[in-house]
Amino acid sequence: MHSQFLACVVLFASLAAALPQGYHAEGVLEVDSGDLGPHDRLVAATIDILPEIAEVLERVQTDTFPVPPERQQEIVDEFIPLTRKIVLAQAKAEGRNAPKDALQRINAIEAVMPSVNNFMNRMRDINLFGLSSDIKYESYER
């Protein structure tokens, strides 16, 4: 379960990094006043958190492809607090407490990421197979 969660965070971070366009949430906060029934609170919570999601997506944009490993790590790190906010907002909208195990997993990921990053940096510096690692990181036009 933990690995699935981490894999999901890494996947979304990687996808967000590769998207070259800007993310502007103008007009998103204007919702039709129609009755959404039992989903009213969840829709309101979603609308409230959209600007934060847009801010994170703007911060993780990159002009470099492939994305340098250090930047990939920064991108993953940007999504961890956002994930916590989403879990808390969803629980609040549903009128319950956030699942303790979900928050513990997020805390564990946040605690272990510096060590994972250090390990990955060390692994990149090791030339196990004698192959060249001259990857060129080039800027691309948006």
N, C-alpha and C. Protein backbone atom coordinates (compact mmCIF):
# COMPACT_ATOMS: atom_id res chain seq x y z
N MET A 1 0.83 -1.19 0.00
CA MET A 1 0.00 0.00 0.00
C MET A 1 0.88 1.25 0.00
N HIS A 2 1.93 1.22 0.82
CA HIS A 2 2.82 2.38 0.90
C HIS A 2 3.49 2.62 -0.44
N SER A 3 3.92 1.54 -1.06
CA SER A 3 4.62 1.69 -2.34
C SER A 3 3.66 2.19 -3.42
N GLN A 4 2.39 1.78 -3.36
CA GLN A 4 1.41 2.26 -4.33
C GLN A 4 1.21 3.76 -4.17
N PHE A 5 1.12 4.20 -2.92
CA PHE A 5 0.92 5.63 -2.65
C PHE A 5 2.11 6.43 -3.15
N LEU A 6 3.33 5.98 -2.82
CA LEU A 6 4.53 6.67 -3.26
C LEU A 6 4.63 6.67 -4.79
N ALA A 7 4.30 5.53 -5.39
CA ALA A 7 4.35 5.45 -6.84
C ALA A 7 3.36 6.44 -7.48
N CYS A 8 2.20 6.58 -6.87
CA CYS A 8 1.21 7.52 -7.37
C CYS A 8 1.72 8.96 -7.28
N VAL A 9 2.32 9.32 -6.15
CA VAL A 9 2.87 10.66 -5.98
C VAL A 9 3.96 10.92 -7.01
N VAL A 10 4.85 9.95 -7.20
CA VAL A 10 5.94 10.10 -8.16
C VAL A 10 5.38 10.22 -9.58
N LEU A 11 4.37 9.40 -9.89
CA LEU A 11 3.77 9.46 -11.23
C LEU A 11 3.18 10.83 -11.51
N PHE A 12 2.36 11.34 -10.58
CA PHE A 12 1.75 12.64 -10.79
C PHE A 12 2.80 13.75 -10.86
N ALA A 13 3.83 13.64 -10.05
CA ALA A 13 4.88 14.65 -10.08
C ALA A 13 5.60 14.63 -11.42
N SER A 14 5.88 13.43 -11.93
CA SER A 14 6.56 13.31 -13.22
C SER A 14 5.69 13.85 -14.35
N LEU A 15 4.42 13.53 -14.30
CA LEU A 15 3.51 14.04 -15.33
C LEU A 15 3.41 15.55 -15.29
N ALA A 16 3.32 16.09 -14.09
CA ALA A 16 3.20 17.54 -13.96
C ALA A 16 4.46 18.24 -14.45
N ALA A 17 5.59 17.64 -14.22
CA ALA A 17 6.85 18.26 -14.64
C ALA A 17 6.96 18.33 -16.15
N ALA A 18 6.37 17.37 -16.84
CA ALA A 18 6.49 17.32 -18.28
C ALA A 18 5.50 18.22 -19.01
N LEU A 19 4.53 18.74 -18.28
CA LEU A 19 3.54 19.59 -18.93
C LEU A 19 4.07 21.01 -19.09
N PRO A 20 4.16 21.51 -20.31
CA PRO A 20 4.77 22.81 -20.53
C PRO A 20 3.86 24.01 -20.36
N GLN A 21 2.55 23.84 -20.31
CA GLN A 21 1.67 24.99 -20.25
C GLN A 21 1.52 25.52 -18.83
N GLY A 22 0.97 26.72 -18.73
CA GLY A 22 0.70 27.33 -17.42
C GLY A 22 -0.63 26.84 -16.89
N TYR A 23 -0.84 27.03 -15.61
CA TYR A 23 -2.06 26.58 -14.97
C TYR A 23 -2.69 27.76 -14.27
N HIS A 24 -3.74 28.26 -14.83
CA HIS A 24 -4.42 29.40 -14.25
C HIS A 24 -5.83 28.98 -13.92
N ALA A 25 -6.28 29.31 -12.74
CA ALA A 25 -7.58 28.84 -12.27
C ALA A 25 -8.63 29.94 -12.31
N GLU A 26 -8.48 30.91 -13.21
CA GLU A 26 -9.47 31.97 -13.28
C GLU A 26 -10.82 31.38 -13.63
N GLY A 27 -11.85 31.85 -12.95
CA GLY A 27 -13.20 31.42 -13.23
C GLY A 27 -13.59 30.09 -12.63
N VAL A 28 -12.64 29.35 -12.12
CA VAL A 28 -12.92 28.04 -11.56
C VAL A 28 -13.73 28.15 -10.28
N LEU A 29 -13.54 29.22 -9.54
CA LEU A 29 -14.20 29.35 -8.25
C LEU A 29 -15.65 29.80 -8.36
N GLU A 30 -16.12 29.99 -9.58
CA GLU A 30 -17.50 30.40 -9.79
C GLU A 30 -18.32 29.18 -10.18
N VAL A 31 -19.07 28.65 -9.23
CA VAL A 31 -19.82 27.42 -9.45
C VAL A 31 -21.30 27.74 -9.59
N ASP A 32 -21.96 27.01 -10.45
CA ASP A 32 -23.40 27.13 -10.58
C ASP A 32 -24.03 26.85 -9.22
N SER A 33 -24.99 27.64 -8.85
CA SER A 33 -25.58 27.52 -7.52
C SER A 33 -26.59 26.37 -7.44
N GLY A 34 -26.62 25.51 -8.45
CA GLY A 34 -27.53 24.38 -8.44
C GLY A 34 -27.24 23.45 -7.27
N ASP A 35 -28.22 22.68 -6.90
CA ASP A 35 -28.09 21.77 -5.77
C ASP A 35 -27.34 20.52 -6.22
N LEU A 36 -26.26 20.23 -5.54
CA LEU A 36 -25.47 19.04 -5.85
C LEU A 36 -25.76 17.91 -4.87
N GLY A 37 -26.76 18.11 -4.05
CA GLY A 37 -27.17 17.08 -3.09
C GLY A 37 -26.07 16.76 -2.10
N PRO A 38 -25.80 15.48 -1.92
CA PRO A 38 -24.81 15.08 -0.91
C PRO A 38 -23.37 15.45 -1.28
N HIS A 39 -23.16 15.93 -2.48
CA HIS A 39 -21.81 16.24 -2.93
C HIS A 39 -21.45 17.72 -2.77
N ASP A 40 -22.34 18.52 -2.26
CA ASP A 40 -22.09 19.96 -2.10
C ASP A 40 -20.77 20.24 -1.38
N ARG A 41 -20.59 19.62 -0.24
CA ARG A 41 -19.39 19.91 0.57
C ARG A 41 -18.12 19.43 -0.11
N LEU A 42 -18.19 18.29 -0.77
CA LEU A 42 -17.01 17.78 -1.47
C LEU A 42 -16.64 18.67 -2.65
N VAL A 43 -17.65 19.14 -3.39
CA VAL A 43 -17.40 20.06 -4.50
C VAL A 43 -16.79 21.36 -3.98
N ALA A 44 -17.35 21.88 -2.87
CA ALA A 44 -16.82 23.12 -2.29
C ALA A 44 -15.37 22.93 -1.84
N ALA A 45 -15.06 21.80 -1.22
CA ALA A 45 -13.69 21.52 -0.77
C ALA A 45 -12.75 21.42 -1.97
N THR A 46 -13.22 20.80 -3.03
CA THR A 46 -12.41 20.67 -4.24
C THR A 46 -12.11 22.05 -4.83
N ILE A 47 -13.13 22.88 -4.91
CA ILE A 47 -12.95 24.23 -5.45
C ILE A 47 -11.98 25.03 -4.58
N ASP A 48 -12.07 24.86 -3.27
CA ASP A 48 -11.18 25.58 -2.36
C ASP A 48 -9.72 25.19 -2.54
N ILE A 49 -9.45 23.93 -2.89
CA ILE A 49 -8.06 23.47 -2.98
C ILE A 49 -7.48 23.62 -4.38
N LEU A 50 -8.31 23.89 -5.39
CA LEU A 50 -7.81 24.03 -6.77
C LEU A 50 -6.73 25.10 -6.91
N PRO A 51 -6.86 26.27 -6.28
CA PRO A 51 -5.78 27.25 -6.42
C PRO A 51 -4.43 26.74 -5.89
N GLU A 52 -4.46 25.96 -4.81
CA GLU A 52 -3.21 25.41 -4.28
C GLU A 52 -2.62 24.39 -5.25
N ILE A 53 -3.48 23.59 -5.86
CA ILE A 53 -3.00 22.62 -6.86
C ILE A 53 -2.38 23.37 -8.03
N ALA A 54 -3.03 24.44 -8.48
CA ALA A 54 -2.49 25.25 -9.58
C ALA A 54 -1.14 25.84 -9.21
N GLU A 55 -1.00 26.32 -7.97
CA GLU A 55 0.28 26.89 -7.53
C GLU A 55 1.39 25.85 -7.56
N VAL A 56 1.09 24.64 -7.09
CA VAL A 56 2.10 23.58 -7.10
C VAL A 56 2.48 23.24 -8.54
N LEU A 57 1.49 23.12 -9.41
CA LEU A 57 1.79 22.80 -10.80
C LEU A 57 2.63 23.88 -11.46
N GLU A 58 2.38 25.15 -11.11
CA GLU A 58 3.21 26.23 -11.65
C GLU A 58 4.63 26.15 -11.11
N ARG A 59 4.78 25.78 -9.83
CA ARG A 59 6.13 25.69 -9.24
C ARG A 59 6.94 24.53 -9.81
N VAL A 60 6.27 23.47 -10.25
CA VAL A 60 7.02 22.30 -10.72
C VAL A 60 7.30 22.31 -12.21
N GLN A 61 6.86 23.34 -12.91
CA GLN A 61 7.15 23.43 -14.34
C GLN A 61 8.65 23.50 -14.55
N THR A 62 9.07 22.95 -15.66
CA THR A 62 10.49 22.99 -15.99
C THR A 62 10.66 23.21 -17.49
N ASP A 63 11.74 23.85 -17.85
CA ASP A 63 12.05 24.08 -19.26
C ASP A 63 13.09 23.09 -19.77
N THR A 64 13.46 22.15 -18.93
CA THR A 64 14.54 21.23 -19.26
C THR A 64 14.00 19.83 -19.51
N PHE A 65 14.48 19.21 -20.58
CA PHE A 65 14.10 17.84 -20.86
C PHE A 65 15.32 17.08 -21.32
N PRO A 66 15.59 15.92 -20.78
CA PRO A 66 14.87 15.32 -19.68
C PRO A 66 15.03 16.14 -18.40
N VAL A 67 14.10 15.95 -17.49
CA VAL A 67 14.13 16.70 -16.24
C VAL A 67 15.30 16.20 -15.40
N PRO A 68 16.19 17.10 -14.97
CA PRO A 68 17.33 16.68 -14.16
C PRO A 68 16.88 15.96 -12.89
N PRO A 69 17.61 14.95 -12.46
CA PRO A 69 17.21 14.17 -11.28
C PRO A 69 16.96 15.01 -10.03
N GLU A 70 17.77 16.02 -9.81
CA GLU A 70 17.58 16.85 -8.61
C GLU A 70 16.23 17.57 -8.68
N ARG A 71 15.86 18.01 -9.87
CA ARG A 71 14.58 18.69 -10.05
C ARG A 71 13.42 17.72 -9.87
N GLN A 72 13.59 16.49 -10.33
CA GLN A 72 12.57 15.46 -10.14
C GLN A 72 12.30 15.26 -8.65
N GLN A 73 13.36 15.25 -7.86
CA GLN A 73 13.22 15.08 -6.41
C GLN A 73 12.46 16.26 -5.80
N GLU A 74 12.79 17.46 -6.25
CA GLU A 74 12.08 18.65 -5.76
C GLU A 74 10.60 18.58 -6.10
N ILE A 75 10.30 18.10 -7.29
CA ILE A 75 8.90 18.00 -7.73
C ILE A 75 8.14 17.03 -6.84
N VAL A 76 8.70 15.87 -6.59
CA VAL A 76 8.04 14.90 -5.70
C VAL A 76 7.82 15.52 -4.33
N ASP A 77 8.82 16.23 -3.83
CA ASP A 77 8.72 16.86 -2.51
C ASP A 77 7.60 17.91 -2.47
N GLU A 78 7.31 18.56 -3.58
CA GLU A 78 6.24 19.56 -3.65
C GLU A 78 4.86 18.91 -3.46
N PHE A 79 4.71 17.67 -3.90
CA PHE A 79 3.40 17.03 -3.87
C PHE A 79 3.05 16.40 -2.51
N ILE A 80 4.02 16.18 -1.66
CA ILE A 80 3.73 15.54 -0.37
C ILE A 80 2.83 16.40 0.51
N PRO A 81 3.16 17.68 0.77
CA PRO A 81 2.25 18.50 1.57
C PRO A 81 0.88 18.69 0.90
N LEU A 82 0.87 18.78 -0.42
CA LEU A 82 -0.39 18.93 -1.13
C LEU A 82 -1.26 17.68 -0.94
N THR A 83 -0.66 16.53 -0.97
CA THR A 83 -1.39 15.28 -0.75
C THR A 83 -2.02 15.27 0.64
N ARG A 84 -1.27 15.74 1.64
CA ARG A 84 -1.80 15.81 3.01
C ARG A 84 -3.01 16.75 3.05
N LYS A 85 -2.90 17.91 2.40
CA LYS A 85 -4.01 18.87 2.40
C LYS A 85 -5.25 18.28 1.74
N ILE A 86 -5.05 17.53 0.67
CA ILE A 86 -6.18 16.92 -0.03
C ILE A 86 -6.86 15.88 0.85
N VAL A 87 -6.08 15.05 1.51
CA VAL A 87 -6.65 14.03 2.41
C VAL A 87 -7.44 14.70 3.53
N LEU A 88 -6.88 15.74 4.12
CA LEU A 88 -7.57 16.45 5.21
C LEU A 88 -8.83 17.15 4.71
N ALA A 89 -8.76 17.78 3.53
CA ALA A 89 -9.92 18.48 2.98
C ALA A 89 -11.04 17.50 2.64
N GLN A 90 -10.69 16.36 2.09
CA GLN A 90 -11.72 15.37 1.75
C GLN A 90 -12.40 14.86 3.02
N ALA A 91 -11.62 14.57 4.04
CA ALA A 91 -12.21 14.08 5.29
C ALA A 91 -13.14 15.13 5.91
N LYS A 92 -12.69 16.37 5.91
CA LYS A 92 -13.51 17.44 6.46
C LYS A 92 -14.82 17.58 5.68
N ALA A 93 -14.73 17.51 4.36
CA ALA A 93 -15.91 17.64 3.52
C ALA A 93 -16.89 16.49 3.76
N GLU A 94 -16.36 15.34 4.10
CA GLU A 94 -17.21 14.18 4.35
C GLU A 94 -17.65 14.09 5.81
N GLY A 95 -17.26 15.09 6.62
CA GLY A 95 -17.68 15.13 8.01
C GLY A 95 -17.05 14.07 8.88
N ARG A 96 -15.82 13.74 8.60
CA ARG A 96 -15.12 12.72 9.39
C ARG A 96 -13.68 13.16 9.61
N ASN A 97 -12.98 12.44 10.45
CA ASN A 97 -11.55 12.70 10.64
C ASN A 97 -10.78 12.00 9.52
N ALA A 98 -9.66 12.57 9.16
CA ALA A 98 -8.81 11.94 8.16
C ALA A 98 -8.31 10.61 8.72
N PRO A 99 -8.24 9.60 7.87
CA PRO A 99 -7.76 8.30 8.35
C PRO A 99 -6.34 8.42 8.91
N LYS A 100 -6.18 7.94 10.13
CA LYS A 100 -4.89 8.05 10.81
C LYS A 100 -3.79 7.33 10.02
N ASP A 101 -4.13 6.18 9.44
CA ASP A 101 -3.12 5.44 8.69
C ASP A 101 -2.68 6.19 7.43
N ALA A 102 -3.60 6.91 6.79
CA ALA A 102 -3.23 7.69 5.60
C ALA A 102 -2.28 8.82 5.98
N LEU A 103 -2.59 9.51 7.08
CA LEU A 103 -1.71 10.59 7.54
C LEU A 103 -0.35 10.05 7.97
N GLN A 104 -0.34 8.87 8.60
CA GLN A 104 0.93 8.26 9.00
C GLN A 104 1.77 7.90 7.77
N ARG A 105 1.12 7.41 6.71
CA ARG A 105 1.86 7.08 5.49
C ARG A 105 2.46 8.34 4.86
N ILE A 106 1.67 9.42 4.84
CA ILE A 106 2.18 10.67 4.28
C ILE A 106 3.36 11.17 5.12
N ASN A 107 3.23 11.12 6.44
CA ASN A 107 4.32 11.53 7.32
C ASN A 107 5.56 10.66 7.11
N ALA A 108 5.34 9.36 6.92
CA ALA A 108 6.47 8.45 6.70
C ALA A 108 7.18 8.77 5.39
N ILE A 109 6.39 9.02 4.34
CA ILE A 109 6.99 9.37 3.05
C ILE A 109 7.79 10.65 3.16
N GLU A 110 7.21 11.64 3.85
CA GLU A 110 7.89 12.92 4.02
C GLU A 110 9.19 12.74 4.80
N ALA A 111 9.18 11.85 5.79
CA ALA A 111 10.37 11.62 6.61
C ALA A 111 11.45 10.85 5.85
N VAL A 112 11.05 9.93 4.98
CA VAL A 112 12.02 9.08 4.31
C VAL A 112 12.58 9.69 3.03
N MET A 113 11.88 10.65 2.44
CA MET A 113 12.31 11.20 1.15
C MET A 113 13.73 11.78 1.15
N PRO A 114 14.17 12.50 2.18
CA PRO A 114 15.56 12.97 2.14
C PRO A 114 16.57 11.81 2.01
N SER A 115 16.32 10.72 2.71
CA SER A 115 17.22 9.56 2.62
C SER A 115 17.13 8.91 1.25
N VAL A 116 15.93 8.83 0.71
CA VAL A 116 15.75 8.26 -0.64
C VAL A 116 16.49 9.14 -1.65
N ASN A 117 16.35 10.44 -1.52
CA ASN A 117 17.03 11.36 -2.43
C ASN A 117 18.54 11.21 -2.34
N ASN A 118 19.06 11.13 -1.13
CA ASN A 118 20.51 10.93 -0.95
C ASN A 118 20.96 9.63 -1.59
N PHE A 119 20.20 8.57 -1.37
CA PHE A 119 20.53 7.27 -1.95
C PHE A 119 20.54 7.35 -3.47
N MET A 120 19.50 7.97 -4.06
CA MET A 120 19.42 8.07 -5.52
C MET A 120 20.57 8.91 -6.07
N ASN A 121 20.93 9.97 -5.38
CA ASN A 121 22.07 10.78 -5.81
C ASN A 121 23.36 9.97 -5.80
N ARG A 122 23.55 9.18 -4.76
CA ARG A 122 24.76 8.34 -4.68
C ARG A 122 24.76 7.28 -5.77
N MET A 123 23.59 6.70 -6.05
CA MET A 123 23.51 5.68 -7.09
C MET A 123 23.82 6.26 -8.47
N ARG A 124 23.40 7.49 -8.71
CA ARG A 124 23.69 8.12 -10.00
C ARG A 124 25.19 8.35 -10.18
N ASP A 125 25.88 8.57 -9.08
CA ASP A 125 27.32 8.82 -9.15
C ASP A 125 28.14 7.55 -9.33
N ILE A 126 27.53 6.39 -9.15
CA ILE A 126 28.23 5.12 -9.30
C ILE A 126 28.14 4.66 -10.75
N ASN A 127 29.25 4.32 -11.33
CA ASN A 127 29.28 3.84 -12.71
C ASN A 127 29.43 2.32 -12.67
N LEU A 128 28.32 1.62 -12.41
CA LEU A 128 28.36 0.17 -12.23
C LEU A 128 28.78 -0.59 -13.47
N PHE A 129 28.37 -0.13 -14.63
CA PHE A 129 28.61 -0.90 -15.85
C PHE A 129 29.61 -0.24 -16.79
N GLY A 130 30.27 0.80 -16.34
CA GLY A 130 31.27 1.46 -17.16
C GLY A 130 30.69 2.20 -18.34
N LEU A 131 29.41 2.55 -18.25
CA LEU A 131 28.76 3.27 -19.34
C LEU A 131 28.85 4.76 -19.11
N SER A 132 28.82 5.50 -20.17
CA SER A 132 28.85 6.95 -20.07
C SER A 132 27.53 7.45 -19.53
N SER A 133 27.60 8.45 -18.67
CA SER A 133 26.35 9.04 -18.15
C SER A 133 26.28 10.51 -18.52
N ASP A 134 26.71 10.81 -19.75
CA ASP A 134 26.70 12.19 -20.22
C ASP A 134 25.33 12.56 -20.79
N ILE A 135 24.36 12.69 -19.92
CA ILE A 135 23.01 13.06 -20.35
C ILE A 135 22.98 14.57 -20.51
N LYS A 136 22.47 15.01 -21.62
CA LYS A 136 22.36 16.45 -21.89
C LYS A 136 20.96 16.91 -21.53
N TYR A 137 20.88 17.89 -20.65
CA TYR A 137 19.60 18.46 -20.26
C TYR A 137 19.42 19.74 -21.05
N GLU A 138 18.46 19.71 -21.96
CA GLU A 138 18.26 20.85 -22.84
C GLU A 138 16.96 21.55 -22.52
N SER A 139 16.97 22.84 -22.70
CA SER A 139 15.77 23.62 -22.51
C SER A 139 14.90 23.48 -23.75
N TYR A 140 13.60 23.40 -23.53
CA TYR A 140 12.70 23.34 -24.67
C TYR A 140 11.73 24.50 -24.62
N GLU A 141 11.24 24.86 -25.79
CA GLU A 141 10.34 25.99 -25.95
C GLU A 141 8.95 25.61 -25.50
N ARG A 142 8.28 26.50 -24.73
CA ARG A 142 6.89 26.25 -24.32
C ARG A 142 5.95 26.78 -25.35
